[in-house]
Protein backbone atom coordinates (compact mmCIF):
# COMPACT_ATOMS: atom_id res chain seq x y z
CA UNK A 1 0.67 -0.51 -26.25
CA UNK A 2 2.97 1.51 -27.90
CA UNK A 3 7.21 0.90 -28.29
CA UNK A 4 8.88 2.65 -25.02
CA UNK A 5 10.99 5.44 -27.15
CA UNK A 6 6.80 6.69 -28.45
CA UNK A 7 4.95 6.95 -24.66
CA UNK A 8 3.62 10.19 -24.46
CA UNK A 9 3.03 10.36 -20.83
CA UNK A 10 4.94 9.15 -17.73
CA UNK A 11 3.48 5.59 -15.58
CA UNK A 12 1.42 7.27 -12.72
CA UNK A 13 4.74 6.78 -9.97
CA UNK A 14 4.28 7.61 -6.38
CA UNK A 15 5.06 11.11 -5.81
CA UNK A 16 8.61 10.54 -4.60
CA UNK A 17 9.41 8.99 -7.77
CA UNK A 18 8.12 11.95 -9.92
CA UNK A 19 11.34 13.54 -10.82
CA UNK A 20 13.22 10.71 -12.23
CA UNK A 21 11.38 10.46 -15.42
CA UNK A 22 9.77 7.64 -17.28
CA UNK A 23 11.39 4.69 -15.60
CA UNK A 24 9.18 1.78 -14.64
CA UNK A 25 10.07 0.79 -10.76
CA UNK A 26 10.06 -2.83 -10.51
CA UNK A 27 9.16 -4.57 -7.29
CA UNK A 28 11.20 -6.75 -6.19
CA UNK A 29 8.96 -9.16 -4.82
CA UNK A 30 6.11 -9.79 -7.07
CA UNK A 31 7.40 -7.99 -10.33
CA UNK A 32 5.08 -5.23 -10.43
CA UNK A 33 5.27 -2.40 -11.37
CA UNK A 34 5.41 0.29 -8.53
CA UNK A 35 2.45 3.21 -8.94
CA UNK A 36 0.85 5.64 -7.08
CA UNK A 37 -1.65 4.72 -4.36
CA UNK A 38 -3.81 7.43 -6.36
CA UNK A 39 -3.79 5.20 -9.56
CA UNK A 40 -5.01 2.05 -7.11
CA UNK A 41 -7.72 3.97 -5.49
CA UNK A 42 -8.70 4.79 -9.42
CA UNK A 43 -8.52 0.96 -9.59
CA UNK A 44 -10.10 0.17 -7.49
CA UNK A 45 -13.43 2.69 -7.85
CA UNK A 46 -13.22 0.55 -11.38
CA UNK A 47 -13.07 -2.24 -10.42
CA UNK A 48 -14.42 -3.32 -7.12
CA UNK A 49 -11.97 -6.75 -6.67
CA UNK A 50 -8.39 -5.21 -7.44
CA UNK A 51 -5.75 -6.34 -5.44
CA UNK A 52 -5.64 -4.60 -2.21
CA UNK A 53 -2.30 -5.76 -1.65
CA UNK A 54 -0.72 -3.37 -4.39
CA UNK A 55 -3.01 -0.22 -3.16
CA UNK A 56 -2.18 -1.10 0.40
CA UNK A 57 2.18 -1.04 -0.66
CA UNK A 58 3.91 1.61 1.18
CA UNK A 59 5.99 2.11 -1.10
CA UNK A 60 3.02 3.73 -3.24
CA UNK A 61 3.25 5.99 -1.14
CA UNK A 62 6.63 6.75 0.34
CA UNK A 63 10.24 5.76 -0.27
CA UNK A 64 10.30 3.24 3.21
CA UNK A 65 9.22 0.32 2.69
CA UNK A 66 8.66 -0.12 6.62
CA UNK A 67 6.56 3.04 7.04
CA UNK A 68 2.96 1.74 7.39
CA UNK A 69 1.06 4.68 8.85
CA UNK A 70 -0.91 5.05 5.61
CA UNK A 71 -1.31 1.68 4.35
CA UNK A 72 -2.94 1.08 7.86
CA UNK A 73 -5.22 3.87 7.94
CA UNK A 74 -6.35 3.70 4.54
CA UNK A 75 -7.03 -0.05 5.42
CA UNK A 76 -9.31 1.00 8.19
CA UNK A 77 -11.18 3.07 5.82
CA UNK A 78 -11.80 0.46 2.88
CA UNK A 79 -12.81 -1.67 5.56
CA UNK A 80 -15.28 0.85 6.55
CA UNK A 81 -16.34 0.15 3.30
CA UNK A 82 -16.98 -3.03 2.88
CA UNK A 83 -13.63 -3.97 0.64
CA UNK A 84 -12.98 -7.26 2.33
CA UNK A 85 -10.75 -9.12 0.26
CA UNK A 86 -7.48 -8.55 1.54
CA UNK A 87 -6.15 -11.83 2.87
CA UNK A 88 -6.36 -12.91 6.31
CA UNK A 89 -1.85 -12.77 5.78
CA UNK A 90 -1.82 -9.48 4.50
CA UNK A 91 -3.72 -8.38 7.16
CA UNK A 92 -1.89 -9.61 9.68
CA UNK A 93 1.54 -8.01 8.40
CA UNK A 94 0.06 -5.02 8.06
CA UNK A 95 -1.13 -4.61 11.66
CA UNK A 96 1.77 -6.39 13.29
CA UNK A 97 4.25 -4.35 11.12
CA UNK A 98 2.12 -0.61 11.96
CA UNK A 99 1.97 -1.94 15.52
CA UNK A 100 6.33 -2.40 15.67
CA UNK A 101 6.60 0.67 13.52
CA UNK A 102 4.58 2.94 16.68
CA UNK A 103 6.33 0.74 19.63
CA UNK A 104 10.17 1.72 18.07
CA UNK A 105 8.57 4.95 18.53
CA UNK A 106 7.80 4.92 22.07
CA UNK A 107 4.14 4.51 21.38
CA UNK A 108 3.15 1.06 22.70
CA UNK A 109 0.12 2.16 23.55
CA UNK A 110 -1.22 3.20 20.37
CA UNK A 111 0.29 -0.42 18.80
CA UNK A 112 -1.57 -2.12 21.54
CA UNK A 113 -4.97 -0.09 19.80
CA UNK A 114 -3.49 -1.31 16.61
CA UNK A 115 -3.17 -4.68 17.58
CA UNK A 116 -6.71 -4.97 18.31
CA UNK A 117 -7.85 -4.46 14.99
CA UNK A 118 -6.17 -8.13 14.24
CA UNK A 119 -8.89 -10.37 13.10
CA UNK A 120 -7.34 -13.77 14.05
CA UNK A 121 -6.69 -13.57 17.49
CA UNK A 122 -4.58 -16.53 17.95
């Protein structure tokens, strides 16, 4: 709760923003500041019901907001650890986005594999 000029440490920014100085990057969609994925994992460890949408946001890892590789794999690990409080719509976006990314790279077999993880069959 100190003023901006008295901060003694930078916010835990994603790796691609680390050298930009003590700047808080705001998320355009929800008005939440961007944080590093490791920060979100620590928050999830301390609060089992921490918002998974922030954790699985691709921009917490990479500057490409359409790169869902790590987000999808991280979600699968979290699911295996019984973290199930991600909304169905967010799960669908994660699966469909990663499948589209793989398909655009010509890896349609893997895109089908990803879509088999879709919880809503419709």
